[in-house]
Amino acid sequence: MDQEDEKMKNTPTKPQRGDGQTVKTDANCSRWQEIIQSGQRSGFKDIEGKELNAETQINESKIKLRNTKRNYLSIYANQRAFIAEIKSHADFGLLSEMFDALQGRIG
C-alpha cells in the first residue's frame, strides 16, 4: 500500500477543470509543474545547476522559463527556493494595460 501511495504521489497528473475535462497547458506551464514537483520531491536538488555563489547558496537552474531575466535557486525565508526574475517594462501605463489584458484572459 505504501509503495502505491508513493508511486501516486510522484506520478504527474494532467490538470483538470471542475467538470473533469483535461486542461491544455503550454510549455511554460509544464516547466512550472516540473519546478513544483522538483521542490516537493528533492528540495530542487534535481534541477540544481552550476554553483554561482557558495556563501549565499545560489545555483543556476537547469530549467529555464520563457520571458524571465534569470532563473536560479537560492535561500528565501530560510528555505530553498526557485527564483524567477520576470521581465517588466519601465512604462507603467504599458504594464497596467498588460495587467488588464491578462486579467481579462484569466477571468
PDB file of N, CA and C in Angstrom:
ATOM      1  N   MET A   1       0.820  -1.188   0.000  1.00  0.00           N
ATOM      2  CA  MET A   1       0.000   0.000   0.000  1.00  0.00           C
ATOM      3  C   MET A   1       0.869   1.260   0.000  1.00  0.00           C
ATOM      4  N   ASP A   2       1.938   1.277   0.826  1.00  0.00           N
ATOM      5  CA  ASP A   2       2.820   2.438   0.886  1.00  0.00           C
ATOM      6  C   ASP A   2       3.512   2.678  -0.444  1.00  0.00           C
ATOM      7  N   GLN A   3       3.905   1.599  -1.129  1.00  0.00           N
ATOM      8  CA  GLN A   3       4.561   1.738  -2.424  1.00  0.00           C
ATOM      9  C   GLN A   3       3.601   2.339  -3.441  1.00  0.00           C
ATOM     10  N   GLU A   4       2.334   1.943  -3.406  1.00  0.00           N
ATOM     11  CA  GLU A   4       1.343   2.501  -4.326  1.00  0.00           C
ATOM     12  C   GLU A   4       1.112   3.977  -4.036  1.00  0.00           C
ATOM     13  N   ASP A   5       1.042   4.330  -2.750  1.00  0.00           N
ATOM     14  CA  ASP A   5       0.854   5.739  -2.378  1.00  0.00           C
ATOM     15  C   ASP A   5       2.030   6.579  -2.860  1.00  0.00           C
ATOM     16  N   GLU A   6       3.258   6.066  -2.687  1.00  0.00           N
ATOM     17  CA  GLU A   6       4.451   6.788  -3.119  1.00  0.00           C
ATOM     18  C   GLU A   6       4.449   6.955  -4.633  1.00  0.00           C
ATOM     19  N   LYS A   7       4.058   5.901  -5.350  1.00  0.00           N
ATOM     20  CA  LYS A   7       4.008   5.962  -6.812  1.00  0.00           C
ATOM     21  C   LYS A   7       2.991   7.007  -7.266  1.00  0.00           C
ATOM     22  N   MET A   8       1.823   7.044  -6.642  1.00  0.00           N
ATOM     23  CA  MET A   8       0.785   8.016  -6.994  1.00  0.00           C
ATOM     24  C   MET A   8       1.253   9.431  -6.690  1.00  0.00           C
ATOM     25  N   LYS A   9       1.972   9.596  -5.590  1.00  0.00           N
ATOM     26  CA  LYS A   9       2.459  10.914  -5.184  1.00  0.00           C
ATOM     27  C   LYS A   9       3.436  11.476  -6.217  1.00  0.00           C
ATOM     28  N   ASN A  10       4.270  10.614  -6.803  1.00  0.00           N
ATOM     29  CA  ASN A  10       5.284  11.054  -7.754  1.00  0.00           C
ATOM     30  C   ASN A  10       4.840  10.983  -9.201  1.00  0.00           C
ATOM     31  N   THR A  11       3.613  10.531  -9.455  1.00  0.00           N
ATOM     32  CA  THR A  11       3.111  10.448 -10.818  1.00  0.00           C
ATOM     33  C   THR A  11       2.481  11.779 -11.190  1.00  0.00           C
ATOM     34  N   PRO A  12       3.019  12.450 -12.220  1.00  0.00           N
ATOM     35  CA  PRO A  12       2.430  13.727 -12.610  1.00  0.00           C
ATOM     36  C   PRO A  12       1.017  13.515 -13.149  1.00  0.00           C
ATOM     37  N   THR A  13       0.138  14.428 -12.816  1.00  0.00           N
ATOM     38  CA  THR A  13      -1.228  14.355 -13.314  1.00  0.00           C
ATOM     39  C   THR A  13      -1.483  15.517 -14.247  1.00  0.00           C
ATOM     40  N   LYS A  14      -2.408  15.318 -15.165  1.00  0.00           N
ATOM     41  CA  LYS A  14      -2.784  16.400 -16.062  1.00  0.00           C
ATOM     42  C   LYS A  14      -3.790  17.279 -15.337  1.00  0.00           C
ATOM     43  N   PRO A  15      -3.636  18.602 -15.447  1.00  0.00           N
ATOM     44  CA  PRO A  15      -4.577  19.485 -14.769  1.00  0.00           C
ATOM     45  C   PRO A  15      -5.990  19.290 -15.312  1.00  0.00           C
ATOM     46  N   GLN A  16      -6.984  19.371 -14.413  1.00  0.00           N
ATOM     47  CA  GLN A  16      -8.366  19.191 -14.824  1.00  0.00           C
ATOM     48  C   GLN A  16      -9.212  20.349 -14.315  1.00  0.00           C
ATOM     49  N   ARG A  17     -10.251  20.623 -15.077  1.00  0.00           N
ATOM     50  CA  ARG A  17     -11.204  21.651 -14.665  1.00  0.00           C
ATOM     51  C   ARG A  17     -12.175  21.032 -13.672  1.00  0.00           C
ATOM     52  N   GLY A  18     -13.044  21.839 -13.119  1.00  0.00           N
ATOM     53  CA  GLY A  18     -14.040  21.355 -12.169  1.00  0.00           C
ATOM     54  C   GLY A  18     -14.959  20.301 -12.757  1.00  0.00           C
ATOM     55  N   ASP A  19     -15.190  20.349 -14.073  1.00  0.00           N
ATOM     56  CA  ASP A  19     -16.075  19.361 -14.702  1.00  0.00           C
ATOM     57  C   ASP A  19     -15.332  18.104 -15.138  1.00  0.00           C
ATOM     58  N   GLY A  20     -14.045  17.978 -14.743  1.00  0.00           N
ATOM     59  CA  GLY A  20     -13.282  16.771 -15.025  1.00  0.00           C
ATOM     60  C   GLY A  20     -12.564  16.749 -16.358  1.00  0.00           C
ATOM     61  N   GLN A  21     -12.759  17.767 -17.210  1.00  0.00           N
ATOM     62  CA  GLN A  21     -12.079  17.792 -18.502  1.00  0.00           C
ATOM     63  C   GLN A  21     -10.634  18.234 -18.321  1.00  0.00           C
ATOM     64  N   THR A  22      -9.755  17.637 -19.125  1.00  0.00           N
ATOM     65  CA  THR A  22      -8.338  17.980 -19.064  1.00  0.00           C
ATOM     66  C   THR A  22      -8.106  19.381 -19.625  1.00  0.00           C
ATOM     67  N   VAL A  23      -7.222  20.129 -18.973  1.00  0.00           N
ATOM     68  CA  VAL A  23      -6.884  21.481 -19.401  1.00  0.00           C
ATOM     69  C   VAL A  23      -5.627  21.415 -20.260  1.00  0.00           C
ATOM     70  N   LYS A  24      -5.632  22.092 -21.399  1.00  0.00           N
ATOM     71  CA  LYS A  24      -4.435  22.166 -22.228  1.00  0.00           C
ATOM     72  C   LYS A  24      -3.454  23.115 -21.565  1.00  0.00           C
ATOM     73  N   THR A  25      -2.174  22.723 -21.543  1.00  0.00           N
ATOM     74  CA  THR A  25      -1.163  23.565 -20.925  1.00  0.00           C
ATOM     75  C   THR A  25      -0.088  23.912 -21.941  1.00  0.00           C
ATOM     76  N   ASP A  26       0.526  25.061 -21.768  1.00  0.00           N
ATOM     77  CA  ASP A  26       1.618  25.436 -22.662  1.00  0.00           C
ATOM     78  C   ASP A  26       2.948  24.980 -22.067  1.00  0.00           C
ATOM     79  N   ALA A  27       4.024  25.195 -22.800  1.00  0.00           N
ATOM     80  CA  ALA A  27       5.346  24.723 -22.373  1.00  0.00           C
ATOM     81  C   ALA A  27       5.764  25.366 -21.045  1.00  0.00           C
ATOM     82  N   ASN A  28       5.472  26.648 -20.858  1.00  0.00           N
ATOM     83  CA  ASN A  28       5.867  27.314 -19.617  1.00  0.00           C
ATOM     84  C   ASN A  28       5.126  26.720 -18.423  1.00  0.00           C
ATOM     85  N   CYS A  29       3.861  26.398 -18.620  1.00  0.00           N
ATOM     86  CA  CYS A  29       3.077  25.786 -17.539  1.00  0.00           C
ATOM     87  C   CYS A  29       3.678  24.437 -17.166  1.00  0.00           C
ATOM     88  N   SER A  30       4.077  23.660 -18.151  1.00  0.00           N
ATOM     89  CA  SER A  30       4.706  22.359 -17.893  1.00  0.00           C
ATOM     90  C   SER A  30       6.006  22.535 -17.120  1.00  0.00           C
ATOM     91  N   ARG A  31       6.754  23.563 -17.463  1.00  0.00           N
ATOM     92  CA  ARG A  31       8.012  23.822 -16.739  1.00  0.00           C
ATOM     93  C   ARG A  31       7.739  24.191 -15.286  1.00  0.00           C
ATOM     94  N   TRP A  32       6.706  25.012 -15.049  1.00  0.00           N
ATOM     95  CA  TRP A  32       6.346  25.366 -13.672  1.00  0.00           C
ATOM     96  C   TRP A  32       5.967  24.115 -12.898  1.00  0.00           C
ATOM     97  N   GLN A  33       5.242  23.213 -13.552  1.00  0.00           N
ATOM     98  CA  GLN A  33       4.868  21.960 -12.886  1.00  0.00           C
ATOM     99  C   GLN A  33       6.105  21.139 -12.543  1.00  0.00           C
ATOM    100  N   GLU A  34       7.076  21.091 -13.446  1.00  0.00           N
ATOM    101  CA  GLU A  34       8.334  20.379 -13.180  1.00  0.00           C
ATOM    102  C   GLU A  34       9.048  20.977 -11.964  1.00  0.00           C
ATOM    103  N   ILE A  35       9.057  22.309 -11.897  1.00  0.00           N
ATOM    104  CA  ILE A  35       9.721  23.008 -10.791  1.00  0.00           C
ATOM    105  C   ILE A  35       9.030  22.672  -9.469  1.00  0.00           C
ATOM    106  N   ILE A  36       7.712  22.715  -9.461  1.00  0.00           N
ATOM    107  CA  ILE A  36       6.952  22.404  -8.246  1.00  0.00           C
ATOM    108  C   ILE A  36       7.218  20.977  -7.800  1.00  0.00           C
ATOM    109  N   GLN A  37       7.171  20.042  -8.747  1.00  0.00           N
ATOM    110  CA  GLN A  37       7.417  18.639  -8.420  1.00  0.00           C
ATOM    111  C   GLN A  37       8.840  18.430  -7.912  1.00  0.00           C
ATOM    112  N   SER A  38       9.808  19.125  -8.490  1.00  0.00           N
ATOM    113  CA  SER A  38      11.190  19.022  -8.039  1.00  0.00           C
ATOM    114  C   SER A  38      11.321  19.514  -6.599  1.00  0.00           C
ATOM    115  N   GLY A  39      10.648  20.613  -6.283  1.00  0.00           N
ATOM    116  CA  GLY A  39      10.683  21.142  -4.921  1.00  0.00           C
ATOM    117  C   GLY A  39      10.093  20.161  -3.921  1.00  0.00           C
ATOM    118  N   GLN A  40       8.986  19.532  -4.299  1.00  0.00           N
ATOM    119  CA  GLN A  40       8.349  18.571  -3.411  1.00  0.00           C
ATOM    120  C   GLN A  40       9.168  17.295  -3.278  1.00  0.00           C
ATOM    121  N   ARG A  41       9.759  16.854  -4.379  1.00  0.00           N
ATOM    122  CA  ARG A  41      10.485  15.587  -4.417  1.00  0.00           C
ATOM    123  C   ARG A  41      11.842  15.675  -3.726  1.00  0.00           C
ATOM    124  N   SER A  42      12.623  16.695  -4.092  1.00  0.00           N
ATOM    125  CA  SER A  42      14.023  16.701  -3.652  1.00  0.00           C
ATOM    126  C   SER A  42      14.516  18.051  -3.151  1.00  0.00           C
ATOM    127  N   GLY A  43      13.610  18.973  -2.886  1.00  0.00           N
ATOM    128  CA  GLY A  43      14.074  20.304  -2.468  1.00  0.00           C
ATOM    129  C   GLY A  43      14.869  20.990  -3.562  1.00  0.00           C
ATOM    130  N   PHE A  44      14.523  20.730  -4.823  1.00  0.00           N
ATOM    131  CA  PHE A  44      15.117  21.302  -6.042  1.00  0.00           C
ATOM    132  C   PHE A  44      16.494  20.750  -6.380  1.00  0.00           C
ATOM    133  N   LYS A  45      16.965  19.728  -5.696  1.00  0.00           N
ATOM    134  CA  LYS A  45      18.300  19.171  -5.965  1.00  0.00           C
ATOM    135  C   LYS A  45      18.426  18.667  -7.403  1.00  0.00           C
ATOM    136  N   ASP A  46      17.348  18.088  -7.957  1.00  0.00           N
ATOM    137  CA  ASP A  46      17.447  17.513  -9.302  1.00  0.00           C
ATOM    138  C   ASP A  46      17.433  18.544 -10.423  1.00  0.00           C
ATOM    139  N   ILE A  47      17.145  19.814 -10.116  1.00  0.00           N
ATOM    140  CA  ILE A  47      17.225  20.846 -11.162  1.00  0.00           C
ATOM    141  C   ILE A  47      18.346  21.846 -10.885  1.00  0.00           C
ATOM    142  N   GLU A  48      19.145  21.557  -9.855  1.00  0.00           N
ATOM    143  CA  GLU A  48      20.265  22.418  -9.497  1.00  0.00           C
ATOM    144  C   GLU A  48      21.356  22.338 -10.550  1.00  0.00           C
ATOM    145  N   GLY A  49      21.785  23.488 -11.005  1.00  0.00           N
ATOM    146  CA  GLY A  49      22.885  23.559 -11.953  1.00  0.00           C
ATOM    147  C   GLY A  49      24.163  23.996 -11.269  1.00  0.00           C
ATOM    148  N   LYS A  50      25.006  24.659 -12.029  1.00  0.00           N
ATOM    149  CA  LYS A  50      26.310  25.123 -11.552  1.00  0.00           C
ATOM    150  C   LYS A  50      26.162  26.071 -10.359  1.00  0.00           C
ATOM    151  N   GLU A  51      27.046  25.907  -9.391  1.00  0.00           N
ATOM    152  CA  GLU A  51      27.046  26.793  -8.228  1.00  0.00           C
ATOM    153  C   GLU A  51      27.562  28.165  -8.639  1.00  0.00           C
ATOM    154  N   LEU A  52      26.803  29.207  -8.297  1.00  0.00           N
ATOM    155  CA  LEU A  52      27.203  30.572  -8.630  1.00  0.00           C
ATOM    156  C   LEU A  52      27.830  31.287  -7.436  1.00  0.00           C
ATOM    157  N   ASN A  53      27.332  30.991  -6.236  1.00  0.00           N
ATOM    158  CA  ASN A  53      27.852  31.640  -5.034  1.00  0.00           C
ATOM    159  C   ASN A  53      27.670  30.690  -3.852  1.00  0.00           C
ATOM    160  N   ALA A  54      28.766  30.130  -3.361  1.00  0.00           N
ATOM    161  CA  ALA A  54      28.707  29.151  -2.269  1.00  0.00           C
ATOM    162  C   ALA A  54      28.228  29.784  -0.964  1.00  0.00           C
ATOM    163  N   GLU A  55      28.660  31.013  -0.721  1.00  0.00           N
ATOM    164  CA  GLU A  55      28.310  31.679   0.531  1.00  0.00           C
ATOM    165  C   GLU A  55      26.804  31.911   0.657  1.00  0.00           C
ATOM    166  N   THR A  56      26.177  32.359  -0.418  1.00  0.00           N
ATOM    167  CA  THR A  56      24.733  32.627  -0.379  1.00  0.00           C
ATOM    168  C   THR A  56      23.911  31.457  -0.915  1.00  0.00           C
ATOM    169  N   GLN A  57      24.563  30.341  -1.254  1.00  0.00           N
ATOM    170  CA  GLN A  57      23.919  29.114  -1.729  1.00  0.00           C
ATOM    171  C   GLN A  57      23.055  29.346  -2.974  1.00  0.00           C
ATOM    172  N   ILE A  58      23.620  30.059  -3.939  1.00  0.00           N
ATOM    173  CA  ILE A  58      22.915  30.321  -5.193  1.00  0.00           C
ATOM    174  C   ILE A  58      23.449  29.389  -6.276  1.00  0.00           C
ATOM    175  N   ASN A  59      22.525  28.713  -6.957  1.00  0.00           N
ATOM    176  CA  ASN A  59      22.862  27.820  -8.064  1.00  0.00           C
ATOM    177  C   ASN A  59      22.045  28.193  -9.283  1.00  0.00           C
ATOM    178  N   GLU A  60      22.618  27.923 -10.466  1.00  0.00           N
ATOM    179  CA  GLU A  60      21.827  28.054 -11.686  1.00  0.00           C
ATOM    180  C   GLU A  60      20.711  27.017 -11.641  1.00  0.00           C
ATOM    181  N   SER A  61      19.671  27.248 -12.410  1.00  0.00           N
ATOM    182  CA  SER A  61      18.601  26.272 -12.566  1.00  0.00           C
ATOM    183  C   SER A  61      18.752  25.589 -13.915  1.00  0.00           C
ATOM    184  N   LYS A  62      18.534  24.282 -13.954  1.00  0.00           N
ATOM    185  CA  LYS A  62      18.565  23.561 -15.220  1.00  0.00           C
ATOM    186  C   LYS A  62      17.316  23.860 -16.048  1.00  0.00           C
ATOM    187  N   ILE A  63      16.266  24.332 -15.395  1.00  0.00           N
ATOM    188  CA  ILE A  63      15.032  24.687 -16.087  1.00  0.00           C
ATOM    189  C   ILE A  63      15.017  26.188 -16.315  1.00  0.00           C
ATOM    190  N   LYS A  64      14.827  26.580 -17.556  1.00  0.00           N
ATOM    191  CA  LYS A  64      14.738  27.997 -17.912  1.00  0.00           C
ATOM    192  C   LYS A  64      13.298  28.314 -18.310  1.00  0.00           C
ATOM    193  N   LEU A  65      12.768  29.387 -17.759  1.00  0.00           N
ATOM    194  CA  LEU A  65      11.408  29.804 -18.097  1.00  0.00           C
ATOM    195  C   LEU A  65      11.441  30.921 -19.130  1.00  0.00           C
ATOM    196  N   ARG A  66      10.520  30.865 -20.046  1.00  0.00           N
ATOM    197  CA  ARG A  66      10.407  31.891 -21.080  1.00  0.00           C
ATOM    198  C   ARG A  66       9.962  33.208 -20.439  1.00  0.00           C
ATOM    199  N   ASN A  67      10.422  34.310 -20.998  1.00  0.00           N
ATOM    200  CA  ASN A  67      10.063  35.665 -20.554  1.00  0.00           C
ATOM    201  C   ASN A  67      10.551  35.994 -19.143  1.00  0.00           C
ATOM    202  N   THR A  68      11.670  35.400 -18.753  1.00  0.00           N
ATOM    203  CA  THR A  68      12.281  35.763 -17.477  1.00  0.00           C
ATOM    204  C   THR A  68      13.711  36.220 -17.723  1.00  0.00           C
ATOM    205  N   LYS A  69      14.189  37.128 -16.863  1.00  0.00           N
ATOM    206  CA  LYS A  69      15.563  37.597 -16.994  1.00  0.00           C
ATOM    207  C   LYS A  69      16.533  36.554 -16.469  1.00  0.00           C
ATOM    208  N   ARG A  70      16.231  35.982 -15.299  1.00  0.00           N
ATOM    209  CA  ARG A  70      17.100  34.983 -14.670  1.00  0.00           C
ATOM    210  C   ARG A  70      16.242  33.952 -13.961  1.00  0.00           C
ATOM    211  N   ASN A  71      16.739  32.714 -13.915  1.00  0.00           N
ATOM    212  CA  ASN A  71      16.135  31.635 -13.134  1.00  0.00           C
ATOM    213  C   ASN A  71      17.252  31.015 -12.319  1.00  0.00           C
ATOM    214  N   TYR A  72      17.075  30.914 -11.018  1.00  0.00           N
ATOM    215  CA  TYR A  72      18.113  30.334 -10.177  1.00  0.00           C
ATOM    216  C   TYR A  72      17.512  29.793  -8.890  1.00  0.00           C
ATOM    217  N   LEU A  73      18.314  29.058  -8.148  1.00  0.00           N
ATOM    218  CA  LEU A  73      17.907  28.509  -6.862  1.00  0.00           C
ATOM    219  C   LEU A  73      18.677  29.240  -5.771  1.00  0.00           C
ATOM    220  N   SER A  74      17.970  29.592  -4.707  1.00  0.00           N
ATOM    221  CA  SER A  74      18.594  30.336  -3.623  1.00  0.00           C
ATOM    222  C   SER A  74      17.856  30.019  -2.326  1.00  0.00           C
ATOM    223  N   ILE A  75      18.218  30.716  -1.277  1.00  0.00           N
ATOM    224  CA  ILE A  75      17.532  30.598   0.007  1.00  0.00           C
ATOM    225  C   ILE A  75      16.615  31.809   0.149  1.00  0.00           C
ATOM    226  N   TYR A  76      15.335  31.552   0.435  1.00  0.00           N
ATOM    227  CA  TYR A  76      14.356  32.619   0.649  1.00  0.00           C
ATOM    228  C   TYR A  76      13.527  32.228   1.866  1.00  0.00           C
ATOM    229  N   ALA A  77      13.412  33.119   2.817  1.00  0.00           N
ATOM    230  CA  ALA A  77      12.681  32.862   4.064  1.00  0.00           C
ATOM    231  C   ALA A  77      13.168  31.563   4.714  1.00  0.00           C
ATOM    232  N   ASN A  78      14.479  31.391   4.745  1.00  0.00           N
ATOM    233  CA  ASN A  78      15.146  30.240   5.364  1.00  0.00           C
ATOM    234  C   ASN A  78      14.819  28.895   4.718  1.00  0.00           C
ATOM    235  N   GLN A  79      14.371  28.908   3.465  1.00  0.00           N
ATOM    236  CA  GLN A  79      14.097  27.666   2.745  1.00  0.00           C
ATOM    237  C   GLN A  79      14.658  27.753   1.341  1.00  0.00           C
ATOM    238  N   ARG A  80      14.960  26.604   0.748  1.00  0.00           N
ATOM    239  CA  ARG A  80      15.439  26.534  -0.631  1.00  0.00           C
ATOM    240  C   ARG A  80      14.282  26.931  -1.540  1.00  0.00           C
ATOM    241  N   ALA A  81      14.562  27.803  -2.505  1.00  0.00           N
ATOM    242  CA  ALA A  81      13.502  28.326  -3.362  1.00  0.00           C
ATOM    243  C   ALA A  81      13.981  28.487  -4.798  1.00  0.00           C
ATOM    244  N   PHE A  82      13.051  28.347  -5.729  1.00  0.00           N
ATOM    245  CA  PHE A  82      13.303  28.640  -7.132  1.00  0.00           C
ATOM    246  C   PHE A  82      12.927  30.097  -7.336  1.00  0.00           C
ATOM    247  N   ILE A  83      13.844  30.887  -7.879  1.00  0.00           N
ATOM    248  CA  ILE A  83      13.611  32.312  -8.098  1.00  0.00           C
ATOM    249  C   ILE A  83      13.565  32.571  -9.599  1.00  0.00           C
ATOM    250  N   ALA A  84      12.512  33.230 -10.052  1.00  0.00           N
ATOM    251  CA  ALA A  84      12.383  33.624 -11.452  1.00  0.00           C
ATOM    252  C   ALA A  84      12.222  35.137 -11.481  1.00  0.00           C
ATOM    253  N   GLU A  85      13.178  35.820 -12.075  1.00  0.00           N
ATOM    254  CA  GLU A  85      13.089  37.276 -12.208  1.00  0.00           C
ATOM    255  C   GLU A  85      12.350  37.566 -13.507  1.00  0.00           C
ATOM    256  N   ILE A  86      11.157  38.076 -13.373  1.00  0.00           N
ATOM    257  CA  ILE A  86      10.279  38.326 -14.514  1.00  0.00           C
ATOM    258  C   ILE A  86      10.669  39.639 -15.186  1.00  0.00           C
ATOM    259  N   LYS A  87      10.685  39.624 -16.508  1.00  0.00           N
ATOM    260  CA  LYS A  87      10.967  40.855 -17.262  1.00  0.00           C
ATOM    261  C   LYS A  87       9.777  41.792 -17.116  1.00  0.00           C
ATOM    262  N   SER A  88      10.056  43.064 -17.001  1.00  0.00           N
ATOM    263  CA  SER A  88       8.985  44.055 -16.937  1.00  0.00           C
ATOM    264  C   SER A  88       9.395  45.272 -17.757  1.00  0.00           C
ATOM    265  N   HIS A  89       8.448  46.158 -17.942  1.00  0.00           N
ATOM    266  CA  HIS A  89       8.685  47.359 -18.733  1.00  0.00           C
ATOM    267  C   HIS A  89       8.746  48.569 -17.814  1.00  0.00           C
ATOM    268  N   ALA A  90       9.544  49.538 -18.189  1.00  0.00           N
ATOM    269  CA  ALA A  90       9.668  50.757 -17.392  1.00  0.00           C
ATOM    270  C   ALA A  90       8.412  51.618 -17.482  1.00  0.00           C
ATOM    271  N   ASP A  91       7.642  51.472 -18.542  1.00  0.00           N
ATOM    272  CA  ASP A  91       6.440  52.273 -18.756  1.00  0.00           C
ATOM    273  C   ASP A  91       5.281  51.696 -17.954  1.00  0.00           C
ATOM    274  N   PHE A  92       4.886  52.392 -16.868  1.00  0.00           N
ATOM    275  CA  PHE A  92       3.821  51.895 -16.011  1.00  0.00           C
ATOM    276  C   PHE A  92       2.496  51.775 -16.762  1.00  0.00           C
ATOM    277  N   GLY A  93       2.224  52.690 -17.673  1.00  0.00           N
ATOM    278  CA  GLY A  93       0.982  52.631 -18.447  1.00  0.00           C
ATOM    279  C   GLY A  93       0.888  51.344 -19.249  1.00  0.00           C
ATOM    280  N   LEU A  94       2.001  50.954 -19.862  1.00  0.00           N
ATOM    281  CA  LEU A  94       2.028  49.721 -20.634  1.00  0.00           C
ATOM    282  C   LEU A  94       1.835  48.518 -19.716  1.00  0.00           C
ATOM    283  N   LEU A  95       2.475  48.555 -18.540  1.00  0.00           N
ATOM    284  CA  LEU A  95       2.293  47.462 -17.578  1.00  0.00           C
ATOM    285  C   LEU A  95       0.844  47.349 -17.141  1.00  0.00           C
ATOM    286  N   SER A  96       0.215  48.467 -16.911  1.00  0.00           N
ATOM    287  CA  SER A  96      -1.182  48.475 -16.499  1.00  0.00           C
ATOM    288  C   SER A  96      -2.071  47.868 -17.587  1.00  0.00           C
ATOM    289  N   GLU A  97      -1.807  48.206 -18.847  1.00  0.00           N
ATOM    290  CA  GLU A  97      -2.574  47.637 -19.958  1.00  0.00           C
ATOM    291  C   GLU A  97      -2.350  46.134 -20.059  1.00  0.00           C
ATOM    292  N   MET A  98      -1.098  45.697 -19.891  1.00  0.00           N
ATOM    293  CA  MET A  98      -0.797  44.271 -19.943  1.00  0.00           C
ATOM    294  C   MET A  98      -1.501  43.524 -18.815  1.00  0.00           C
ATOM    295  N   PHE A  99      -1.511  44.118 -17.625  1.00  0.00           N
ATOM    296  CA  PHE A  99      -2.188  43.504 -16.475  1.00  0.00           C
ATOM    297  C   PHE A  99      -3.683  43.366 -16.743  1.00  0.00           C
ATOM    298  N   ASP A 100      -4.294  44.426 -17.265  1.00  0.00           N
ATOM    299  CA  ASP A 100      -5.729  44.377 -17.574  1.00  0.00           C
ATOM    300  C   ASP A 100      -6.035  43.304 -18.613  1.00  0.00           C
ATOM    301  N   ALA A 101      -5.179  43.194 -19.631  1.00  0.00           N
ATOM    302  CA  ALA A 101      -5.377  42.179 -20.671  1.00  0.00           C
ATOM    303  C   ALA A 101      -5.256  40.771 -20.086  1.00  0.00           C
ATOM    304  N   LEU A 102      -4.277  40.567 -19.208  1.00  0.00           N
ATOM    305  CA  LEU A 102      -4.110  39.261 -18.580  1.00  0.00           C
ATOM    306  C   LEU A 102      -5.295  38.929 -17.669  1.00  0.00           C
ATOM    307  N   GLN A 103      -5.776  39.913 -16.928  1.00  0.00           N
ATOM    308  CA  GLN A 103      -6.917  39.687 -16.057  1.00  0.00           C
ATOM    309  C   GLN A 103      -8.133  39.266 -16.864  1.00  0.00           C
ATOM    310  N   GLY A 104      -8.290  39.870 -18.047  1.00  0.00           N
ATOM    311  CA  GLY A 104      -9.409  39.506 -18.924  1.00  0.00           C
ATOM    312  C   GLY A 104      -9.306  38.063 -19.393  1.00  0.00           C
ATOM    313  N   ARG A 105      -8.100  37.587 -19.658  1.00  0.00           N
ATOM    314  CA  ARG A 105      -7.908  36.194 -20.098  1.00  0.00           C
ATOM    315  C   ARG A 105      -8.136  35.208 -18.965  1.00  0.00           C
ATOM    316  N   ILE A 106      -7.691  35.570 -17.757  1.00  0.00           N
ATOM    317  CA  ILE A 106      -7.805  34.669 -16.618  1.00  0.00           C
ATOM    318  C   ILE A 106      -9.254  34.558 -16.166  1.00  0.00           C
ATOM    319  N   GLY A 107      -9.943  35.698 -16.106  1.00  0.00           N
ATOM    320  CA  GLY A 107     -11.314  35.737 -15.589  1.00  0.00           C
ATOM    321  C   GLY A 107     -12.263  35.161 -16.538  1.00  0.00           C
TER     322      GLY A 107
END
